[in-house]
Amino acid sequence: MARKYEMVHINKAIYVGNYLEDGLTNNRRKHNIASPIGCMHRAEEFMESDLKTRYRVKGGLQYIVYGRFAGVKVVDLIRKSRHKVLATVCTPGGLFLHSRWSKAQ
């Protein structure tokens, strides 16, 4: 959003809450896997060239992982990506993570 809109950050607490043992933070991956297409598109935004390399690589890995959870073939993920080289480079690691995360489910 910061690229598209002018934004202001105000460092002031607007809400204070407590973590629940079974809350969103502990179940983030589970919820992301339940919405893989949205997470895949979000990950591709982090692959943009104006971001630091570490964020681009993380985005590339997540793009492959969530794309596979969405049932998209790797070939199609790479073909549809705006960042084909990065998606290709991140494919082995993304498939490894997908395998690990699938077993953990």
C-alpha atoms as a PDB file:
ATOM      1  CA  MET A   1       0.000   0.000   0.000  1.00  0.00           C
ATOM      2  CA  ALA A   2       2.862   2.368   0.734  1.00  0.00           C
ATOM      3  CA  ARG A   3       3.817   2.450  -2.952  1.00  0.00           C
ATOM      4  CA  LYS A   4       0.304   3.303  -4.073  1.00  0.00           C
ATOM      5  CA  TYR A   5      -0.809   5.799  -1.405  1.00  0.00           C
ATOM      6  CA  GLU A   6       0.750   8.508   0.719  1.00  0.00           C
ATOM      7  CA  MET A   7       0.742   7.206   4.261  1.00  0.00           C
ATOM      8  CA  VAL A   8       1.420   8.622   7.707  1.00  0.00           C
ATOM      9  CA  HIS A   9       2.694   6.601  10.647  1.00  0.00           C
ATOM     10  CA  ILE A  10       1.662   7.847  14.088  1.00  0.00           C
ATOM     11  CA  ASN A  11       3.450   6.031  16.903  1.00  0.00           C
ATOM     12  CA  LYS A  12       0.578   5.952  19.384  1.00  0.00           C
ATOM     13  CA  ALA A  13      -1.171   2.936  20.892  1.00  0.00           C
ATOM     14  CA  ILE A  14      -4.794   2.645  19.834  1.00  0.00           C
ATOM     15  CA  TYR A  15      -5.451  -0.797  21.288  1.00  0.00           C
ATOM     16  CA  VAL A  16      -3.940  -3.062  23.938  1.00  0.00           C
ATOM     17  CA  GLY A  17      -4.747  -6.752  23.989  1.00  0.00           C
ATOM     18  CA  ASN A  18      -3.499 -10.099  25.176  1.00  0.00           C
ATOM     19  CA  TYR A  19      -2.413 -13.132  23.199  1.00  0.00           C
ATOM     20  CA  LEU A  20      -4.603 -16.201  23.337  1.00  0.00           C
ATOM     21  CA  GLU A  21      -2.941 -19.609  23.336  1.00  0.00           C
ATOM     22  CA  ASP A  22      -5.046 -20.668  20.373  1.00  0.00           C
ATOM     23  CA  GLY A  23      -5.104 -17.220  18.747  1.00  0.00           C
ATOM     24  CA  LEU A  24      -4.203 -15.881  15.311  1.00  0.00           C
ATOM     25  CA  THR A  25      -0.479 -15.522  15.987  1.00  0.00           C
ATOM     26  CA  ASN A  26      -0.047 -19.194  16.860  1.00  0.00           C
ATOM     27  CA  ASN A  27      -2.214 -20.286  13.926  1.00  0.00           C
ATOM     28  CA  ARG A  28      -1.019 -17.828  11.265  1.00  0.00           C
ATOM     29  CA  ARG A  29       0.405 -20.466   8.911  1.00  0.00           C
ATOM     30  CA  LYS A  30      -2.754 -22.567   9.226  1.00  0.00           C
ATOM     31  CA  HIS A  31      -4.897 -19.562   8.290  1.00  0.00           C
ATOM     32  CA  ASN A  32      -2.568 -18.618   5.421  1.00  0.00           C
ATOM     33  CA  ILE A  33      -2.743 -22.144   4.019  1.00  0.00           C
ATOM     34  CA  ALA A  34      -6.540 -21.919   4.201  1.00  0.00           C
ATOM     35  CA  SER A  35      -6.327 -18.855   1.911  1.00  0.00           C
ATOM     36  CA  PRO A  36      -3.464 -19.766  -0.433  1.00  0.00           C
ATOM     37  CA  ILE A  37      -4.431 -17.652  -3.444  1.00  0.00           C
ATOM     38  CA  GLY A  38      -4.516 -14.433  -1.440  1.00  0.00           C
ATOM     39  CA  CYS A  39      -1.193 -15.328   0.187  1.00  0.00           C
ATOM     40  CA  MET A  40       0.288 -16.148  -3.218  1.00  0.00           C
ATOM     41  CA  HIS A  41      -0.664 -12.695  -4.559  1.00  0.00           C
ATOM     42  CA  ARG A  42       0.615 -11.012  -1.399  1.00  0.00           C
ATOM     43  CA  ALA A  43       3.917 -12.889  -1.718  1.00  0.00           C
ATOM     44  CA  GLU A  44       4.320 -11.736  -5.312  1.00  0.00           C
ATOM     45  CA  GLU A  45       4.087  -8.114  -4.157  1.00  0.00           C
ATOM     46  CA  PHE A  46       7.148  -8.775  -1.999  1.00  0.00           C
ATOM     47  CA  MET A  47       9.053  -9.914  -5.086  1.00  0.00           C
ATOM     48  CA  GLU A  48       9.158  -6.373  -6.531  1.00  0.00           C
ATOM     49  CA  SER A  49      12.618  -5.106  -7.471  1.00  0.00           C
ATOM     50  CA  ASP A  50      12.484  -2.000  -5.264  1.00  0.00           C
ATOM     51  CA  LEU A  51      12.586  -4.130  -2.100  1.00  0.00           C
ATOM     52  CA  LYS A  52      15.626  -5.569  -0.346  1.00  0.00           C
ATOM     53  CA  THR A  53      16.851  -8.909  -1.672  1.00  0.00           C
ATOM     54  CA  ARG A  54      15.985 -10.792   1.527  1.00  0.00           C
ATOM     55  CA  TYR A  55      12.319  -9.720   1.249  1.00  0.00           C
ATOM     56  CA  ARG A  56      12.248 -10.572  -2.451  1.00  0.00           C
ATOM     57  CA  VAL A  57      13.595 -14.081  -1.791  1.00  0.00           C
ATOM     58  CA  LYS A  58      11.164 -14.628   1.080  1.00  0.00           C
ATOM     59  CA  GLY A  59       8.348 -13.473  -1.210  1.00  0.00           C
ATOM     60  CA  GLY A  60       9.539 -15.846  -3.932  1.00  0.00           C
ATOM     61  CA  LEU A  61       9.583 -18.789  -1.546  1.00  0.00           C
ATOM     62  CA  GLN A  62       6.121 -17.951  -0.241  1.00  0.00           C
ATOM     63  CA  TYR A  63       4.834 -17.489  -3.796  1.00  0.00           C
ATOM     64  CA  ILE A  64       5.847 -21.065  -4.636  1.00  0.00           C
ATOM     65  CA  VAL A  65       4.634 -22.505  -1.311  1.00  0.00           C
ATOM     66  CA  TYR A  66       1.182 -20.920  -1.366  1.00  0.00           C
ATOM     67  CA  GLY A  67       0.819 -21.481  -5.097  1.00  0.00           C
ATOM     68  CA  ARG A  68       1.329 -25.199  -4.504  1.00  0.00           C
ATOM     69  CA  PHE A  69      -1.181 -25.159  -1.629  1.00  0.00           C
ATOM     70  CA  ALA A  70      -3.599 -23.546  -4.109  1.00  0.00           C
ATOM     71  CA  GLY A  71      -3.013 -26.496  -6.443  1.00  0.00           C
ATOM     72  CA  VAL A  72      -1.207 -24.484  -9.134  1.00  0.00           C
ATOM     73  CA  LYS A  73       1.517 -26.349 -11.013  1.00  0.00           C
ATOM     74  CA  VAL A  74       5.044 -24.961 -10.633  1.00  0.00           C
ATOM     75  CA  VAL A  75       5.305 -24.411 -14.392  1.00  0.00           C
ATOM     76  CA  ASP A  76       2.143 -22.292 -14.292  1.00  0.00           C
ATOM     77  CA  LEU A  77       3.359 -20.348 -11.252  1.00  0.00           C
ATOM     78  CA  ILE A  78       6.545 -19.393 -13.062  1.00  0.00           C
ATOM     79  CA  ARG A  79       4.717 -18.635 -16.308  1.00  0.00           C
ATOM     80  CA  LYS A  80       2.181 -16.351 -14.573  1.00  0.00           C
ATOM     81  CA  SER A  81       4.707 -14.572 -12.349  1.00  0.00           C
ATOM     82  CA  ARG A  82       5.866 -11.033 -13.118  1.00  0.00           C
ATOM     83  CA  HIS A  83       9.239 -12.146 -11.705  1.00  0.00           C
ATOM     84  CA  LYS A  84       9.990 -15.334 -13.622  1.00  0.00           C
ATOM     85  CA  VAL A  85      13.714 -15.525 -12.809  1.00  0.00           C
ATOM     86  CA  LEU A  86      13.159 -15.053  -9.076  1.00  0.00           C
ATOM     87  CA  ALA A  87      10.277 -17.551  -9.066  1.00  0.00           C
ATOM     88  CA  THR A  88      12.478 -20.082 -10.873  1.00  0.00           C
ATOM     89  CA  VAL A  89      15.377 -19.604  -8.447  1.00  0.00           C
ATOM     90  CA  CYS A  90      13.043 -19.963  -5.454  1.00  0.00           C
ATOM     91  CA  THR A  91      11.328 -23.105  -6.760  1.00  0.00           C
ATOM     92  CA  PRO A  92      13.544 -25.761  -5.073  1.00  0.00           C
ATOM     93  CA  GLY A  93      13.368 -24.042  -1.678  1.00  0.00           C
ATOM     94  CA  GLY A  94       9.658 -23.348  -2.070  1.00  0.00           C
ATOM     95  CA  LEU A  95       8.928 -26.982  -2.872  1.00  0.00           C
ATOM     96  CA  PHE A  96      10.989 -28.070   0.135  1.00  0.00           C
ATOM     97  CA  LEU A  97       9.021 -25.728   2.427  1.00  0.00           C
ATOM     98  CA  HIS A  98       5.726 -26.863   0.904  1.00  0.00           C
ATOM     99  CA  SER A  99       6.664 -30.463   1.667  1.00  0.00           C
ATOM    100  CA  ARG A 100       7.607 -29.649   5.282  1.00  0.00           C
ATOM    101  CA  TRP A 101       4.521 -27.522   5.889  1.00  0.00           C
ATOM    102  CA  SER A 102       2.253 -30.179   4.344  1.00  0.00           C
ATOM    103  CA  LYS A 103       3.577 -32.796   6.762  1.00  0.00           C
ATOM    104  CA  ALA A 104       3.059 -30.454   9.717  1.00  0.00           C
ATOM    105  CA  GLN A 105      -0.621 -30.026   8.886  1.00  0.00           C
END
